[in-house]
Amino acid sequence: MSIVSFVGSIGAAAILLVFVIIFVYLASKWGIKRTKEISKRFETETKELEDKQLELQETRKTIAELKTKRKDVIKAKDVKTAGFLEKEIDKLEKRKDKLLKEIDEGY
């Protein structure tokens, strides 16, 4: 009987070992898949932040150009155009503030 119980315990250990190996294999596949998903999401978020930073730089450049243009228009005493430029600058300033807020939230 001791040989039968020995063979039975070895068989149970072998079955348990097979289940452990299957579990470890599936867990590692899941881990690799999850890591790839996180990596893709991180790359996407990084790309979005870079795009927003580029847009912010362009907005700042445009604001500076419009302010220069507005100064020239004020010197020429063209009030209507100066008012239009002021509205355009205000709109771009709001856009700049929104972009700064989005960038800060992204980090």
N, C-alpha and C. Protein backbone atom coordinates (compact mmCIF):
# COMPACT_ATOMS: atom_id res chain seq x y z
N MET A 1 0.80 -1.19 0.00
CA MET A 1 0.00 0.00 0.00
C MET A 1 0.85 1.26 0.00
N SER A 2 2.00 1.21 0.57
CA SER A 2 2.81 2.42 0.65
C SER A 2 3.28 2.85 -0.73
N ILE A 3 3.51 1.91 -1.64
CA ILE A 3 3.91 2.27 -3.01
C ILE A 3 2.73 2.93 -3.71
N VAL A 4 1.53 2.44 -3.50
CA VAL A 4 0.34 3.01 -4.12
C VAL A 4 0.12 4.43 -3.61
N SER A 5 0.26 4.64 -2.33
CA SER A 5 0.07 5.99 -1.78
C SER A 5 1.20 6.91 -2.24
N PHE A 6 2.41 6.39 -2.39
CA PHE A 6 3.54 7.17 -2.88
C PHE A 6 3.29 7.61 -4.32
N VAL A 7 2.84 6.70 -5.17
CA VAL A 7 2.52 7.02 -6.57
C VAL A 7 1.37 8.01 -6.62
N GLY A 8 0.39 7.84 -5.76
CA GLY A 8 -0.75 8.77 -5.71
C GLY A 8 -0.33 10.16 -5.31
N SER A 9 0.55 10.27 -4.33
CA SER A 9 1.00 11.59 -3.90
C SER A 9 1.88 12.25 -4.97
N ILE A 10 2.68 11.46 -5.67
CA ILE A 10 3.49 12.01 -6.78
C ILE A 10 2.56 12.48 -7.90
N GLY A 11 1.51 11.73 -8.17
CA GLY A 11 0.54 12.13 -9.20
C GLY A 11 -0.17 13.43 -8.81
N ALA A 12 -0.56 13.54 -7.54
CA ALA A 12 -1.21 14.77 -7.07
C ALA A 12 -0.25 15.95 -7.16
N ALA A 13 1.00 15.72 -6.80
CA ALA A 13 2.00 16.78 -6.89
C ALA A 13 2.23 17.20 -8.34
N ALA A 14 2.22 16.23 -9.25
CA ALA A 14 2.40 16.54 -10.67
C ALA A 14 1.23 17.36 -11.20
N ILE A 15 0.01 16.98 -10.80
CA ILE A 15 -1.17 17.74 -11.23
C ILE A 15 -1.11 19.16 -10.67
N LEU A 16 -0.75 19.30 -9.41
CA LEU A 16 -0.62 20.62 -8.79
C LEU A 16 0.45 21.44 -9.50
N LEU A 17 1.56 20.82 -9.83
CA LEU A 17 2.64 21.51 -10.54
C LEU A 17 2.17 22.00 -11.91
N VAL A 18 1.39 21.19 -12.61
CA VAL A 18 0.86 21.59 -13.92
C VAL A 18 -0.04 22.81 -13.77
N PHE A 19 -0.91 22.81 -12.75
CA PHE A 19 -1.79 23.95 -12.53
C PHE A 19 -1.00 25.21 -12.17
N VAL A 20 0.03 25.06 -11.37
CA VAL A 20 0.87 26.21 -11.01
C VAL A 20 1.57 26.76 -12.24
N ILE A 21 2.09 25.89 -13.08
CA ILE A 21 2.77 26.34 -14.30
C ILE A 21 1.79 27.06 -15.22
N ILE A 22 0.59 26.52 -15.36
CA ILE A 22 -0.44 27.17 -16.20
C ILE A 22 -0.79 28.54 -15.62
N PHE A 23 -0.96 28.61 -14.31
CA PHE A 23 -1.29 29.88 -13.66
C PHE A 23 -0.19 30.92 -13.88
N VAL A 24 1.05 30.53 -13.68
CA VAL A 24 2.18 31.46 -13.87
C VAL A 24 2.26 31.91 -15.32
N TYR A 25 2.05 31.01 -16.25
CA TYR A 25 2.08 31.35 -17.68
C TYR A 25 0.99 32.37 -18.02
N LEU A 26 -0.23 32.10 -17.57
CA LEU A 26 -1.34 33.01 -17.87
C LEU A 26 -1.15 34.36 -17.18
N ALA A 27 -0.65 34.35 -15.96
CA ALA A 27 -0.41 35.60 -15.25
C ALA A 27 0.65 36.44 -15.95
N SER A 28 1.68 35.80 -16.46
CA SER A 28 2.73 36.55 -17.16
C SER A 28 2.20 37.12 -18.48
N LYS A 29 1.36 36.36 -19.19
CA LYS A 29 0.77 36.88 -20.44
C LYS A 29 -0.11 38.08 -20.14
N TRP A 30 -0.89 37.99 -19.06
CA TRP A 30 -1.76 39.10 -18.69
C TRP A 30 -0.92 40.32 -18.31
N GLY A 31 0.17 40.09 -17.58
CA GLY A 31 1.04 41.19 -17.18
C GLY A 31 1.67 41.88 -18.37
N ILE A 32 2.11 41.12 -19.33
CA ILE A 32 2.71 41.69 -20.54
C ILE A 32 1.67 42.50 -21.31
N LYS A 33 0.47 41.96 -21.44
CA LYS A 33 -0.61 42.65 -22.15
C LYS A 33 -0.95 43.96 -21.44
N ARG A 34 -1.06 43.92 -20.13
CA ARG A 34 -1.39 45.11 -19.35
C ARG A 34 -0.29 46.16 -19.46
N THR A 35 0.95 45.74 -19.46
CA THR A 35 2.07 46.66 -19.60
C THR A 35 2.03 47.36 -20.96
N LYS A 36 1.70 46.62 -22.01
CA LYS A 36 1.59 47.22 -23.34
C LYS A 36 0.46 48.25 -23.38
N GLU A 37 -0.67 47.94 -22.75
CA GLU A 37 -1.80 48.88 -22.72
C GLU A 37 -1.40 50.17 -22.01
N ILE A 38 -0.73 50.03 -20.87
CA ILE A 38 -0.31 51.20 -20.11
C ILE A 38 0.70 52.01 -20.91
N SER A 39 1.60 51.34 -21.60
CA SER A 39 2.60 52.01 -22.41
C SER A 39 1.95 52.81 -23.54
N LYS A 40 0.97 52.20 -24.22
CA LYS A 40 0.27 52.90 -25.30
C LYS A 40 -0.46 54.12 -24.77
N ARG A 41 -1.12 53.96 -23.63
CA ARG A 41 -1.87 55.08 -23.05
C ARG A 41 -0.91 56.21 -22.66
N PHE A 42 0.22 55.85 -22.09
CA PHE A 42 1.21 56.85 -21.70
C PHE A 42 1.73 57.60 -22.93
N GLU A 43 2.02 56.86 -24.01
CA GLU A 43 2.51 57.50 -25.23
C GLU A 43 1.46 58.45 -25.81
N THR A 44 0.19 58.04 -25.77
CA THR A 44 -0.88 58.88 -26.28
C THR A 44 -1.00 60.16 -25.46
N GLU A 45 -0.98 60.03 -24.15
CA GLU A 45 -1.08 61.21 -23.29
C GLU A 45 0.12 62.13 -23.47
N THR A 46 1.29 61.56 -23.63
CA THR A 46 2.49 62.36 -23.85
C THR A 46 2.39 63.13 -25.16
N LYS A 47 1.90 62.46 -26.20
CA LYS A 47 1.74 63.11 -27.50
C LYS A 47 0.74 64.27 -27.41
N GLU A 48 -0.37 64.04 -26.70
CA GLU A 48 -1.37 65.10 -26.53
C GLU A 48 -0.77 66.30 -25.80
N LEU A 49 0.01 66.05 -24.76
CA LEU A 49 0.63 67.16 -24.03
C LEU A 49 1.63 67.91 -24.90
N GLU A 50 2.40 67.19 -25.70
CA GLU A 50 3.34 67.85 -26.60
C GLU A 50 2.60 68.71 -27.62
N ASP A 51 1.49 68.20 -28.14
CA ASP A 51 0.69 68.98 -29.10
C ASP A 51 0.14 70.25 -28.45
N LYS A 52 -0.32 70.12 -27.21
CA LYS A 52 -0.85 71.30 -26.50
C LYS A 52 0.26 72.31 -26.23
N GLN A 53 1.45 71.83 -25.91
CA GLN A 53 2.56 72.75 -25.68
C GLN A 53 2.94 73.49 -26.97
N LEU A 54 2.92 72.78 -28.09
CA LEU A 54 3.20 73.44 -29.38
C LEU A 54 2.13 74.48 -29.69
N GLU A 55 0.88 74.12 -29.44
CA GLU A 55 -0.21 75.06 -29.68
C GLU A 55 -0.08 76.28 -28.77
N LEU A 56 0.35 76.05 -27.54
CA LEU A 56 0.55 77.15 -26.60
C LEU A 56 1.65 78.09 -27.10
N GLN A 57 2.74 77.53 -27.60
CA GLN A 57 3.82 78.36 -28.14
C GLN A 57 3.34 79.19 -29.32
N GLU A 58 2.55 78.56 -30.20
CA GLU A 58 2.02 79.29 -31.36
C GLU A 58 1.08 80.40 -30.92
N THR A 59 0.26 80.12 -29.91
CA THR A 59 -0.67 81.12 -29.40
C THR A 59 0.09 82.29 -28.81
N ARG A 60 1.12 82.02 -28.03
CA ARG A 60 1.93 83.10 -27.45
C ARG A 60 2.58 83.95 -28.54
N LYS A 61 3.07 83.29 -29.58
CA LYS A 61 3.70 84.01 -30.68
C LYS A 61 2.67 84.91 -31.38
N THR A 62 1.48 84.37 -31.62
CA THR A 62 0.43 85.14 -32.27
C THR A 62 0.02 86.33 -31.41
N ILE A 63 -0.08 86.12 -30.10
CA ILE A 63 -0.44 87.22 -29.20
C ILE A 63 0.60 88.32 -29.27
N ALA A 64 1.87 87.94 -29.26
CA ALA A 64 2.95 88.94 -29.34
C ALA A 64 2.86 89.71 -30.66
N GLU A 65 2.59 89.01 -31.76
CA GLU A 65 2.48 89.69 -33.06
C GLU A 65 1.30 90.65 -33.07
N LEU A 66 0.17 90.22 -32.51
CA LEU A 66 -1.01 91.09 -32.49
C LEU A 66 -0.80 92.31 -31.60
N LYS A 67 -0.09 92.14 -30.50
CA LYS A 67 0.18 93.28 -29.62
C LYS A 67 1.06 94.30 -30.33
N THR A 68 2.04 93.81 -31.09
CA THR A 68 2.89 94.70 -31.86
C THR A 68 2.07 95.44 -32.92
N LYS A 69 1.21 94.69 -33.59
CA LYS A 69 0.36 95.29 -34.62
C LYS A 69 -0.59 96.32 -34.00
N ARG A 70 -1.11 96.00 -32.80
CA ARG A 70 -2.04 96.92 -32.13
C ARG A 70 -1.33 98.22 -31.77
N LYS A 71 -0.08 98.13 -31.32
CA LYS A 71 0.67 99.35 -31.00
C LYS A 71 0.83 100.23 -32.23
N ASP A 72 1.13 99.59 -33.37
CA ASP A 72 1.26 100.35 -34.61
C ASP A 72 -0.06 100.99 -35.01
N VAL A 73 -1.15 100.27 -34.81
CA VAL A 73 -2.47 100.79 -35.18
C VAL A 73 -2.85 101.94 -34.26
N ILE A 74 -2.51 101.82 -32.97
CA ILE A 74 -2.82 102.90 -32.03
C ILE A 74 -2.02 104.15 -32.41
N LYS A 75 -0.79 103.97 -32.82
CA LYS A 75 0.02 105.12 -33.27
C LYS A 75 -0.61 105.78 -34.49
N ALA A 76 -1.23 104.96 -35.35
CA ALA A 76 -1.88 105.49 -36.56
C ALA A 76 -3.28 106.02 -36.24
N LYS A 77 -3.73 105.89 -35.00
CA LYS A 77 -5.02 106.39 -34.50
C LYS A 77 -6.20 105.75 -35.22
N ASP A 78 -6.09 104.47 -35.52
CA ASP A 78 -7.20 103.71 -36.11
C ASP A 78 -7.88 102.93 -34.97
N VAL A 79 -8.89 103.57 -34.39
CA VAL A 79 -9.55 103.03 -33.19
C VAL A 79 -10.32 101.75 -33.50
N LYS A 80 -10.96 101.69 -34.63
CA LYS A 80 -11.77 100.52 -34.98
C LYS A 80 -10.90 99.26 -35.09
N THR A 81 -9.80 99.37 -35.80
CA THR A 81 -8.90 98.22 -35.96
C THR A 81 -8.25 97.86 -34.62
N ALA A 82 -7.92 98.87 -33.82
CA ALA A 82 -7.32 98.61 -32.51
C ALA A 82 -8.30 97.84 -31.62
N GLY A 83 -9.58 98.19 -31.68
CA GLY A 83 -10.60 97.47 -30.90
C GLY A 83 -10.72 96.03 -31.36
N PHE A 84 -10.70 95.85 -32.68
CA PHE A 84 -10.76 94.48 -33.22
C PHE A 84 -9.57 93.66 -32.76
N LEU A 85 -8.39 94.26 -32.83
CA LEU A 85 -7.18 93.55 -32.40
C LEU A 85 -7.23 93.24 -30.90
N GLU A 86 -7.78 94.17 -30.12
CA GLU A 86 -7.90 93.94 -28.67
C GLU A 86 -8.80 92.74 -28.38
N LYS A 87 -9.91 92.63 -29.11
CA LYS A 87 -10.81 91.48 -28.93
C LYS A 87 -10.11 90.18 -29.32
N GLU A 88 -9.36 90.23 -30.40
CA GLU A 88 -8.61 89.06 -30.86
C GLU A 88 -7.57 88.64 -29.83
N ILE A 89 -6.89 89.63 -29.25
CA ILE A 89 -5.88 89.33 -28.22
C ILE A 89 -6.55 88.72 -26.99
N ASP A 90 -7.69 89.28 -26.58
CA ASP A 90 -8.41 88.73 -25.42
C ASP A 90 -8.82 87.28 -25.66
N LYS A 91 -9.30 87.00 -26.87
CA LYS A 91 -9.71 85.64 -27.21
C LYS A 91 -8.51 84.69 -27.14
N LEU A 92 -7.38 85.13 -27.66
CA LEU A 92 -6.18 84.30 -27.62
C LEU A 92 -5.64 84.14 -26.20
N GLU A 93 -5.78 85.18 -25.37
CA GLU A 93 -5.34 85.08 -23.97
C GLU A 93 -6.18 84.03 -23.23
N LYS A 94 -7.48 84.01 -23.50
CA LYS A 94 -8.35 83.00 -22.88
C LYS A 94 -7.95 81.60 -23.35
N ARG A 95 -7.65 81.49 -24.63
CA ARG A 95 -7.21 80.20 -25.18
C ARG A 95 -5.90 79.76 -24.52
N LYS A 96 -4.99 80.72 -24.34
CA LYS A 96 -3.71 80.44 -23.70
C LYS A 96 -3.92 79.95 -22.26
N ASP A 97 -4.81 80.64 -21.53
CA ASP A 97 -5.08 80.23 -20.15
C ASP A 97 -5.68 78.83 -20.09
N LYS A 98 -6.57 78.53 -21.04
CA LYS A 98 -7.18 77.20 -21.09
C LYS A 98 -6.11 76.14 -21.37
N LEU A 99 -5.22 76.42 -22.30
CA LEU A 99 -4.14 75.47 -22.62
C LEU A 99 -3.21 75.26 -21.42
N LEU A 100 -2.88 76.34 -20.73
CA LEU A 100 -2.03 76.22 -19.54
C LEU A 100 -2.69 75.34 -18.48
N LYS A 101 -3.99 75.54 -18.30
CA LYS A 101 -4.72 74.74 -17.32
C LYS A 101 -4.72 73.26 -17.72
N GLU A 102 -4.97 72.98 -19.00
CA GLU A 102 -4.98 71.59 -19.49
C GLU A 102 -3.60 70.94 -19.34
N ILE A 103 -2.55 71.71 -19.62
CA ILE A 103 -1.20 71.17 -19.49
C ILE A 103 -0.88 70.88 -18.03
N ASP A 104 -1.26 71.80 -17.14
CA ASP A 104 -1.02 71.57 -15.71
C ASP A 104 -1.76 70.35 -15.20
N GLU A 105 -2.99 70.15 -15.67
CA GLU A 105 -3.77 68.99 -15.25
C GLU A 105 -3.17 67.70 -15.82
N GLY A 106 -2.56 67.80 -17.01
CA GLY A 106 -1.96 66.63 -17.64
C GLY A 106 -0.71 66.15 -16.91
N TYR A 107 -0.01 67.08 -16.28
CA TYR A 107 1.19 66.68 -15.55
C TYR A 107 0.79 66.26 -14.17
